[in-house]
Amino acid sequence: MPRRPHETAVTKKLETYFTYKLDLIKSEAVRQVNELYRKELGLVVRDLRVLRQIGDAPGISVSALQAATFIEKTVLSKVVSRLIELGLAERSISTRDARAFELTLTARGRRVREQADRIGGGHEREVMFGDFSEQELRQLDALLDKLMQSLRAARDGGAGEAA
């Protein structure tokens, strides 16, 4: 008996797709930690990603910041402006290119980042991974690294694949 055009050999339920599960996990994790960050710091995950990246790469340009954070340019511009208005970051003319700006954290920005790291780290330890053993955490981390490596290799046309 021939298959109808809308039938497939295997029908897979939405909730069994990895990307769906990953999206649900990400959305719930960000929602929960945003509540904590808003309450304690008046900031959200996106703000703190930018703050952390500036802290990790003092003097970073906005274009390098965009490449590192994957935040759309106009949204990133608003986040950076907000961090500057709050006194958490500063913008100065680049020493390498007078047409560009460099971003650095202020002392207050470094303190807020430390607070955010404590809040986020505590949430991960107690809520997200509270039921995981150390071995499971190491295994999960290794598997996620392996997955990222596979995805990058596929994106780059197989470059970097193991022989």
N, C-alpha and C. Protein backbone atom coordinates (compact mmCIF):
# COMPACT_ATOMS: atom_id res chain seq x y z
N MET A 1 0.84 -1.17 0.00
CA MET A 1 0.00 0.00 0.00
C MET A 1 0.90 1.25 0.00
N PRO A 2 0.76 2.14 -0.95
CA PRO A 2 1.62 3.34 -1.03
C PRO A 2 1.30 4.33 0.10
N ARG A 3 2.35 5.04 0.51
CA ARG A 3 2.18 6.07 1.55
C ARG A 3 1.49 7.30 0.98
N ARG A 4 0.72 7.92 1.83
CA ARG A 4 0.12 9.20 1.46
C ARG A 4 1.20 10.27 1.55
N PRO A 5 1.11 11.37 0.81
CA PRO A 5 2.16 12.40 0.80
C PRO A 5 2.46 12.98 2.18
N HIS A 6 1.48 13.07 3.06
CA HIS A 6 1.71 13.69 4.36
C HIS A 6 2.24 12.72 5.41
N GLU A 7 2.34 11.47 5.10
CA GLU A 7 2.84 10.49 6.05
C GLU A 7 4.36 10.36 5.94
N THR A 8 4.99 10.03 7.05
CA THR A 8 6.42 9.77 7.04
C THR A 8 6.64 8.37 7.60
N ALA A 9 7.81 7.84 7.32
CA ALA A 9 8.13 6.50 7.81
C ALA A 9 8.18 6.49 9.33
N VAL A 10 8.68 7.57 9.92
CA VAL A 10 8.78 7.68 11.36
C VAL A 10 8.22 9.04 11.76
N THR A 11 7.31 9.03 12.69
CA THR A 11 6.79 10.28 13.20
C THR A 11 7.40 10.50 14.57
N LYS A 12 8.07 11.62 14.71
CA LYS A 12 8.78 11.92 15.95
C LYS A 12 8.03 13.04 16.68
N LYS A 13 7.79 12.83 17.96
CA LYS A 13 7.08 13.83 18.75
C LYS A 13 8.00 15.01 19.02
N LEU A 14 7.40 16.18 19.05
CA LEU A 14 8.15 17.42 19.25
C LEU A 14 9.05 17.35 20.48
N GLU A 15 8.52 16.86 21.59
CA GLU A 15 9.28 16.87 22.84
C GLU A 15 10.48 15.92 22.84
N THR A 16 10.65 15.13 21.79
CA THR A 16 11.81 14.25 21.71
C THR A 16 12.97 14.89 20.94
N TYR A 17 12.75 16.03 20.31
CA TYR A 17 13.82 16.70 19.58
C TYR A 17 14.76 17.42 20.54
N PHE A 18 16.05 17.23 20.35
CA PHE A 18 17.05 17.84 21.20
C PHE A 18 16.93 19.37 21.20
N THR A 19 16.79 19.96 20.02
CA THR A 19 16.73 21.43 19.95
C THR A 19 15.53 21.97 20.70
N TYR A 20 14.43 21.25 20.71
CA TYR A 20 13.24 21.66 21.45
C TYR A 20 13.53 21.61 22.95
N LYS A 21 14.10 20.50 23.40
CA LYS A 21 14.44 20.37 24.82
C LYS A 21 15.42 21.46 25.25
N LEU A 22 16.43 21.67 24.42
CA LEU A 22 17.43 22.67 24.73
C LEU A 22 16.81 24.06 24.83
N ASP A 23 15.89 24.37 23.94
CA ASP A 23 15.22 25.67 23.97
C ASP A 23 14.39 25.83 25.24
N LEU A 24 13.69 24.77 25.64
CA LEU A 24 12.91 24.83 26.88
C LEU A 24 13.81 25.03 28.09
N ILE A 25 14.91 24.30 28.13
CA ILE A 25 15.85 24.42 29.24
C ILE A 25 16.41 25.83 29.29
N LYS A 26 16.84 26.34 28.16
CA LYS A 26 17.41 27.69 28.09
C LYS A 26 16.39 28.73 28.54
N SER A 27 15.18 28.64 28.02
CA SER A 27 14.15 29.62 28.35
C SER A 27 13.83 29.62 29.85
N GLU A 28 13.69 28.45 30.43
CA GLU A 28 13.36 28.38 31.86
C GLU A 28 14.54 28.83 32.71
N ALA A 29 15.75 28.43 32.34
CA ALA A 29 16.93 28.82 33.11
C ALA A 29 17.10 30.34 33.08
N VAL A 30 16.96 30.94 31.92
CA VAL A 30 17.09 32.40 31.80
C VAL A 30 15.97 33.10 32.56
N ARG A 31 14.75 32.59 32.49
CA ARG A 31 13.64 33.20 33.22
C ARG A 31 13.93 33.22 34.71
N GLN A 32 14.38 32.09 35.23
CA GLN A 32 14.64 31.99 36.67
C GLN A 32 15.77 32.92 37.11
N VAL A 33 16.87 32.89 36.39
CA VAL A 33 18.01 33.70 36.81
C VAL A 33 17.76 35.18 36.55
N ASN A 34 16.97 35.51 35.52
CA ASN A 34 16.60 36.92 35.31
C ASN A 34 15.87 37.48 36.53
N GLU A 35 15.00 36.67 37.12
CA GLU A 35 14.28 37.11 38.32
C GLU A 35 15.28 37.45 39.43
N LEU A 36 16.27 36.60 39.62
CA LEU A 36 17.28 36.84 40.65
C LEU A 36 18.10 38.08 40.34
N TYR A 37 18.58 38.18 39.10
CA TYR A 37 19.41 39.32 38.72
C TYR A 37 18.64 40.64 38.81
N ARG A 38 17.38 40.63 38.35
CA ARG A 38 16.57 41.86 38.43
C ARG A 38 16.39 42.30 39.88
N LYS A 39 16.06 41.34 40.73
CA LYS A 39 15.80 41.62 42.14
C LYS A 39 17.06 42.14 42.84
N GLU A 40 18.17 41.49 42.60
CA GLU A 40 19.41 41.83 43.32
C GLU A 40 20.21 42.96 42.68
N LEU A 41 20.20 43.03 41.33
CA LEU A 41 21.10 43.96 40.64
C LEU A 41 20.40 44.94 39.70
N GLY A 42 19.12 44.69 39.41
CA GLY A 42 18.42 45.55 38.44
C GLY A 42 18.87 45.30 37.02
N LEU A 43 19.45 44.15 36.77
CA LEU A 43 19.96 43.79 35.44
C LEU A 43 19.39 42.45 35.01
N VAL A 44 19.57 42.10 33.74
CA VAL A 44 19.13 40.80 33.23
C VAL A 44 20.32 40.09 32.59
N VAL A 45 20.11 38.85 32.21
CA VAL A 45 21.17 38.00 31.66
C VAL A 45 21.90 38.70 30.51
N ARG A 46 21.18 39.29 29.58
CA ARG A 46 21.81 39.93 28.42
C ARG A 46 22.77 41.03 28.89
N ASP A 47 22.33 41.85 29.85
CA ASP A 47 23.19 42.92 30.38
C ASP A 47 24.47 42.32 30.96
N LEU A 48 24.30 41.25 31.70
CA LEU A 48 25.44 40.65 32.38
C LEU A 48 26.37 39.92 31.43
N ARG A 49 25.84 39.38 30.34
CA ARG A 49 26.73 38.77 29.33
C ARG A 49 27.65 39.83 28.76
N VAL A 50 27.08 40.98 28.47
CA VAL A 50 27.89 42.07 27.92
C VAL A 50 28.89 42.55 28.97
N LEU A 51 28.43 42.74 30.19
CA LEU A 51 29.30 43.19 31.27
C LEU A 51 30.45 42.21 31.47
N ARG A 52 30.15 40.93 31.49
CA ARG A 52 31.19 39.90 31.69
C ARG A 52 32.18 39.90 30.53
N GLN A 53 31.68 40.03 29.31
CA GLN A 53 32.58 40.01 28.16
C GLN A 53 33.50 41.22 28.17
N ILE A 54 32.98 42.39 28.54
CA ILE A 54 33.83 43.57 28.66
C ILE A 54 34.88 43.34 29.75
N GLY A 55 34.47 42.73 30.85
CA GLY A 55 35.41 42.42 31.93
C GLY A 55 36.46 41.41 31.52
N ASP A 56 36.09 40.46 30.69
CA ASP A 56 37.03 39.43 30.24
C ASP A 56 38.00 39.95 29.19
N ALA A 57 37.60 41.01 28.48
CA ALA A 57 38.43 41.56 27.40
C ALA A 57 38.46 43.08 27.49
N PRO A 58 39.11 43.62 28.51
CA PRO A 58 39.14 45.08 28.66
C PRO A 58 39.68 45.75 27.39
N GLY A 59 39.02 46.83 26.99
CA GLY A 59 39.41 47.51 25.76
C GLY A 59 38.75 46.95 24.52
N ILE A 60 37.80 46.05 24.70
CA ILE A 60 37.12 45.42 23.57
C ILE A 60 36.34 46.45 22.76
N SER A 61 36.33 46.28 21.45
CA SER A 61 35.55 47.16 20.57
C SER A 61 34.11 46.65 20.54
N VAL A 62 33.21 47.52 20.10
CA VAL A 62 31.81 47.12 20.01
C VAL A 62 31.64 45.99 18.98
N SER A 63 32.36 46.05 17.88
CA SER A 63 32.22 44.99 16.87
C SER A 63 32.74 43.65 17.41
N ALA A 64 33.83 43.67 18.16
CA ALA A 64 34.33 42.42 18.76
C ALA A 64 33.36 41.93 19.84
N LEU A 65 32.76 42.87 20.55
CA LEU A 65 31.77 42.52 21.58
C LEU A 65 30.56 41.85 20.94
N GLN A 66 30.14 42.38 19.80
CA GLN A 66 29.00 41.77 19.09
C GLN A 66 29.34 40.36 18.63
N ALA A 67 30.52 40.17 18.10
CA ALA A 67 30.94 38.84 17.64
C ALA A 67 31.01 37.85 18.80
N ALA A 68 31.42 38.33 19.97
CA ALA A 68 31.57 37.45 21.13
C ALA A 68 30.25 37.12 21.80
N THR A 69 29.27 38.04 21.74
CA THR A 69 28.02 37.84 22.47
C THR A 69 26.85 37.40 21.59
N PHE A 70 26.97 37.52 20.28
CA PHE A 70 25.90 37.16 19.34
C PHE A 70 24.63 37.99 19.57
N ILE A 71 24.80 39.20 20.07
CA ILE A 71 23.66 40.08 20.29
C ILE A 71 23.56 41.03 19.09
N GLU A 72 22.36 41.19 18.57
CA GLU A 72 22.12 42.05 17.41
C GLU A 72 22.62 43.46 17.71
N LYS A 73 23.18 44.11 16.68
CA LYS A 73 23.90 45.37 16.84
C LYS A 73 23.10 46.47 17.55
N THR A 74 21.85 46.69 17.15
CA THR A 74 21.07 47.77 17.78
C THR A 74 20.74 47.44 19.23
N VAL A 75 20.46 46.18 19.51
CA VAL A 75 20.19 45.76 20.89
C VAL A 75 21.46 45.92 21.73
N LEU A 76 22.59 45.49 21.18
CA LEU A 76 23.86 45.60 21.88
C LEU A 76 24.18 47.06 22.19
N SER A 77 23.93 47.94 21.24
CA SER A 77 24.18 49.36 21.44
C SER A 77 23.38 49.90 22.63
N LYS A 78 22.12 49.47 22.74
CA LYS A 78 21.28 49.89 23.87
C LYS A 78 21.80 49.34 25.19
N VAL A 79 22.25 48.08 25.18
CA VAL A 79 22.78 47.47 26.41
C VAL A 79 24.04 48.20 26.84
N VAL A 80 24.94 48.46 25.91
CA VAL A 80 26.19 49.15 26.23
C VAL A 80 25.88 50.55 26.77
N SER A 81 24.98 51.27 26.12
CA SER A 81 24.60 52.61 26.59
C SER A 81 24.05 52.56 28.01
N ARG A 82 23.23 51.56 28.28
CA ARG A 82 22.65 51.40 29.62
C ARG A 82 23.73 51.12 30.66
N LEU A 83 24.67 50.25 30.33
CA LEU A 83 25.76 49.94 31.26
C LEU A 83 26.60 51.18 31.54
N ILE A 84 26.80 52.00 30.53
CA ILE A 84 27.55 53.25 30.71
C ILE A 84 26.75 54.21 31.58
N GLU A 85 25.45 54.36 31.31
CA GLU A 85 24.60 55.25 32.11
C GLU A 85 24.56 54.83 33.57
N LEU A 86 24.61 53.53 33.82
CA LEU A 86 24.59 53.01 35.19
C LEU A 86 25.95 53.10 35.88
N GLY A 87 26.96 53.54 35.14
CA GLY A 87 28.29 53.66 35.71
C GLY A 87 29.01 52.33 35.86
N LEU A 88 28.61 51.34 35.07
CA LEU A 88 29.22 50.01 35.15
C LEU A 88 30.32 49.82 34.11
N ALA A 89 30.25 50.59 33.03
CA ALA A 89 31.24 50.49 31.96
C ALA A 89 31.58 51.89 31.48
N GLU A 90 32.73 51.99 30.82
CA GLU A 90 33.14 53.26 30.23
C GLU A 90 33.56 53.02 28.79
N ARG A 91 33.36 54.06 28.00
CA ARG A 91 33.75 54.02 26.59
C ARG A 91 34.84 55.08 26.40
N SER A 92 35.91 54.70 25.72
CA SER A 92 36.98 55.65 25.42
C SER A 92 37.44 55.45 23.99
N ILE A 93 38.08 56.46 23.45
CA ILE A 93 38.59 56.37 22.08
C ILE A 93 39.73 55.35 22.06
N SER A 94 39.71 54.52 21.05
CA SER A 94 40.70 53.46 20.92
C SER A 94 42.10 54.05 20.75
N THR A 95 43.06 53.42 21.39
CA THR A 95 44.46 53.83 21.22
C THR A 95 45.01 53.32 19.89
N ARG A 96 44.34 52.34 19.30
CA ARG A 96 44.79 51.76 18.03
C ARG A 96 44.13 52.42 16.82
N ASP A 97 42.91 52.94 17.01
CA ASP A 97 42.16 53.51 15.90
C ASP A 97 41.25 54.61 16.45
N ALA A 98 41.57 55.85 16.15
CA ALA A 98 40.83 56.99 16.70
C ALA A 98 39.37 57.02 16.26
N ARG A 99 39.01 56.22 15.26
CA ARG A 99 37.61 56.17 14.81
C ARG A 99 36.79 55.17 15.62
N ALA A 100 37.44 54.38 16.44
CA ALA A 100 36.76 53.32 17.19
C ALA A 100 36.78 53.61 18.69
N PHE A 101 35.90 52.90 19.41
CA PHE A 101 35.83 53.03 20.85
C PHE A 101 36.25 51.72 21.50
N GLU A 102 36.76 51.85 22.71
CA GLU A 102 37.09 50.68 23.53
C GLU A 102 36.22 50.73 24.77
N LEU A 103 35.83 49.56 25.25
CA LEU A 103 34.98 49.47 26.43
C LEU A 103 35.73 48.80 27.57
N THR A 104 35.57 49.34 28.77
CA THR A 104 36.15 48.75 29.97
C THR A 104 35.13 48.84 31.09
N LEU A 105 35.31 48.02 32.10
CA LEU A 105 34.45 48.10 33.28
C LEU A 105 34.97 49.15 34.24
N THR A 106 34.06 49.78 34.93
CA THR A 106 34.43 50.66 36.03
C THR A 106 34.63 49.79 37.27
N ALA A 107 35.10 50.39 38.34
CA ALA A 107 35.24 49.65 39.60
C ALA A 107 33.87 49.12 40.03
N ARG A 108 32.85 49.95 39.87
CA ARG A 108 31.49 49.52 40.21
C ARG A 108 31.06 48.35 39.32
N GLY A 109 31.39 48.42 38.04
CA GLY A 109 31.07 47.33 37.11
C GLY A 109 31.72 46.03 37.52
N ARG A 110 32.97 46.10 37.99
CA ARG A 110 33.66 44.88 38.45
C ARG A 110 32.99 44.31 39.69
N ARG A 111 32.53 45.17 40.59
CA ARG A 111 31.84 44.70 41.80
C ARG A 111 30.50 44.05 41.43
N VAL A 112 29.76 44.67 40.51
CA VAL A 112 28.48 44.10 40.07
C VAL A 112 28.71 42.76 39.39
N ARG A 113 29.75 42.66 38.60
CA ARG A 113 30.05 41.39 37.95
C ARG A 113 30.33 40.30 38.99
N GLU A 114 31.10 40.63 40.02
CA GLU A 114 31.38 39.67 41.08
C GLU A 114 30.09 39.22 41.77
N GLN A 115 29.20 40.16 42.04
CA GLN A 115 27.90 39.81 42.65
C GLN A 115 27.11 38.90 41.72
N ALA A 116 27.08 39.26 40.44
CA ALA A 116 26.34 38.46 39.46
C ALA A 116 26.91 37.05 39.36
N ASP A 117 28.22 36.94 39.41
CA ASP A 117 28.85 35.62 39.35
C ASP A 117 28.47 34.77 40.56
N ARG A 118 28.40 35.41 41.73
CA ARG A 118 27.98 34.67 42.94
C ARG A 118 26.52 34.23 42.81
N ILE A 119 25.66 35.13 42.34
CA ILE A 119 24.23 34.81 42.19
C ILE A 119 24.04 33.69 41.17
N GLY A 120 24.65 33.85 40.00
CA GLY A 120 24.51 32.85 38.94
C GLY A 120 25.11 31.51 39.31
N GLY A 121 26.29 31.56 39.95
CA GLY A 121 26.95 30.31 40.38
C GLY A 121 26.12 29.58 41.42
N GLY A 122 25.56 30.33 42.36
CA GLY A 122 24.71 29.71 43.38
C GLY A 122 23.47 29.08 42.78
N HIS A 123 22.86 29.77 41.81
CA HIS A 123 21.67 29.23 41.16
C HIS A 123 22.01 27.94 40.40
N GLU A 124 23.13 27.95 39.71
CA GLU A 124 23.54 26.73 38.99
C GLU A 124 23.77 25.58 39.96
N ARG A 125 24.53 25.84 41.03
CA ARG A 125 24.85 24.77 42.00
C ARG A 125 23.61 24.24 42.69
N GLU A 126 22.76 25.14 43.16
CA GLU A 126 21.63 24.74 44.01
C GLU A 126 20.39 24.31 43.23
N VAL A 127 20.10 24.98 42.13
CA VAL A 127 18.85 24.72 41.41
C VAL A 127 19.07 23.88 40.16
N MET A 128 19.87 24.39 39.25
CA MET A 128 20.03 23.70 37.96
C MET A 128 20.71 22.34 38.10
N PHE A 129 21.79 22.31 38.88
CA PHE A 129 22.59 21.09 38.95
C PHE A 129 22.63 20.49 40.35
N GLY A 130 21.70 20.88 41.19
CA GLY A 130 21.67 20.38 42.57
C GLY A 130 21.52 18.88 42.68
N ASP A 131 20.88 18.26 41.70
CA ASP A 131 20.67 16.82 41.73
C ASP A 131 21.73 16.04 40.95
N PHE A 132 22.76 16.73 40.46
CA PHE A 132 23.81 16.08 39.67
C PHE A 132 25.01 15.77 40.55
N SER A 133 25.62 14.63 40.31
CA SER A 133 26.88 14.31 40.99
C SER A 133 28.01 15.04 40.26
N GLU A 134 29.18 15.11 40.90
CA GLU A 134 30.34 15.74 40.25
C GLU A 134 30.68 15.02 38.95
N GLN A 135 30.57 13.69 38.98
CA GLN A 135 30.87 12.91 37.77
C GLN A 135 29.87 13.25 36.66
N GLU A 136 28.60 13.37 36.98
CA GLU A 136 27.60 13.73 35.98
C GLU A 136 27.85 15.12 35.41
N LEU A 137 28.26 16.05 36.27
CA LEU A 137 28.56 17.40 35.79
C LEU A 137 29.74 17.40 34.83
N ARG A 138 30.79 16.66 35.17
CA ARG A 138 31.96 16.56 34.27
C ARG A 138 31.56 15.91 32.95
N GLN A 139 30.73 14.86 33.04
CA GLN A 139 30.28 14.16 31.83
C GLN A 139 29.41 15.08 30.96
N LEU A 140 28.50 15.81 31.58
CA LEU A 140 27.65 16.74 30.84
C LEU A 140 28.50 17.81 30.16
N ASP A 141 29.45 18.36 30.87
CA ASP A 141 30.33 19.38 30.31
C ASP A 141 31.10 18.83 29.12
N ALA A 142 31.64 17.63 29.25
CA ALA A 142 32.39 17.01 28.15
C ALA A 142 31.50 16.73 26.95
N LEU A 143 30.27 16.27 27.20
CA LEU A 143 29.35 16.00 26.10
C LEU A 143 28.93 17.28 25.38
N LEU A 144 28.70 18.34 26.14
CA LEU A 144 28.34 19.62 25.51
C LEU A 144 29.51 20.17 24.69
N ASP A 145 30.73 20.02 25.20
CA ASP A 145 31.91 20.44 24.43
C ASP A 145 32.02 19.63 23.14
N LYS A 146 31.78 18.34 23.23
CA LYS A 146 31.85 17.47 22.05
C LYS A 146 30.76 17.86 21.03
N LEU A 147 29.57 18.14 21.51
CA LEU A 147 28.48 18.57 20.63
C LEU A 147 28.84 19.88 19.94
N MET A 148 29.38 20.84 20.69
CA MET A 148 29.76 22.12 20.09
C MET A 148 30.83 21.92 19.04
N GLN A 149 31.78 21.05 19.32
CA GLN A 149 32.83 20.75 18.35
C GLN A 149 32.24 20.15 17.07
N SER A 150 31.28 19.25 17.21
CA SER A 150 30.63 18.65 16.04
C SER A 150 29.87 19.69 15.23
N LEU A 151 29.16 20.57 15.92
CA LEU A 151 28.40 21.60 15.22
C LEU A 151 29.32 22.58 14.49
N ARG A 152 30.42 22.95 15.13
CA ARG A 152 31.37 23.85 14.47
C ARG A 152 32.01 23.18 13.26
N ALA A 153 32.34 21.91 13.38
CA ALA A 153 32.92 21.18 12.26
C ALA A 153 31.95 21.12 11.09
N ALA A 154 30.67 20.88 11.39
CA ALA A 154 29.66 20.83 10.33
C ALA A 154 29.50 22.20 9.67
N ARG A 155 29.53 23.24 10.48
CA ARG A 155 29.41 24.61 9.97
C ARG A 155 30.60 24.94 9.06
N ASP A 156 31.77 24.49 9.46
CA ASP A 156 32.99 24.82 8.73
C ASP A 156 33.28 23.82 7.61
N GLY A 157 32.30 23.01 7.28
CA GLY A 157 32.45 22.07 6.17
C GLY A 157 33.33 20.88 6.49
N GLY A 158 33.32 20.47 7.75
CA GLY A 158 34.07 19.28 8.12
C GLY A 158 35.47 19.57 8.62
N ALA A 159 35.88 20.84 8.58
CA ALA A 159 37.22 21.18 9.06
C ALA A 159 37.31 20.88 10.55
N GLY A 160 38.39 20.28 10.93
CA GLY A 160 38.62 20.00 12.35
C GLY A 160 38.04 18.69 12.82
N GLU A 161 37.46 17.90 11.92
CA GLU A 161 36.92 16.61 12.34
C GLU A 161 38.05 15.65 12.65
N ALA A 162 37.83 14.79 13.57
CA ALA A 162 38.83 13.78 13.92
C ALA A 162 38.98 12.79 12.79
N ALA A 163 40.17 12.27 12.62
CA ALA A 163 40.43 11.30 11.54
C ALA A 163 39.91 9.94 11.90
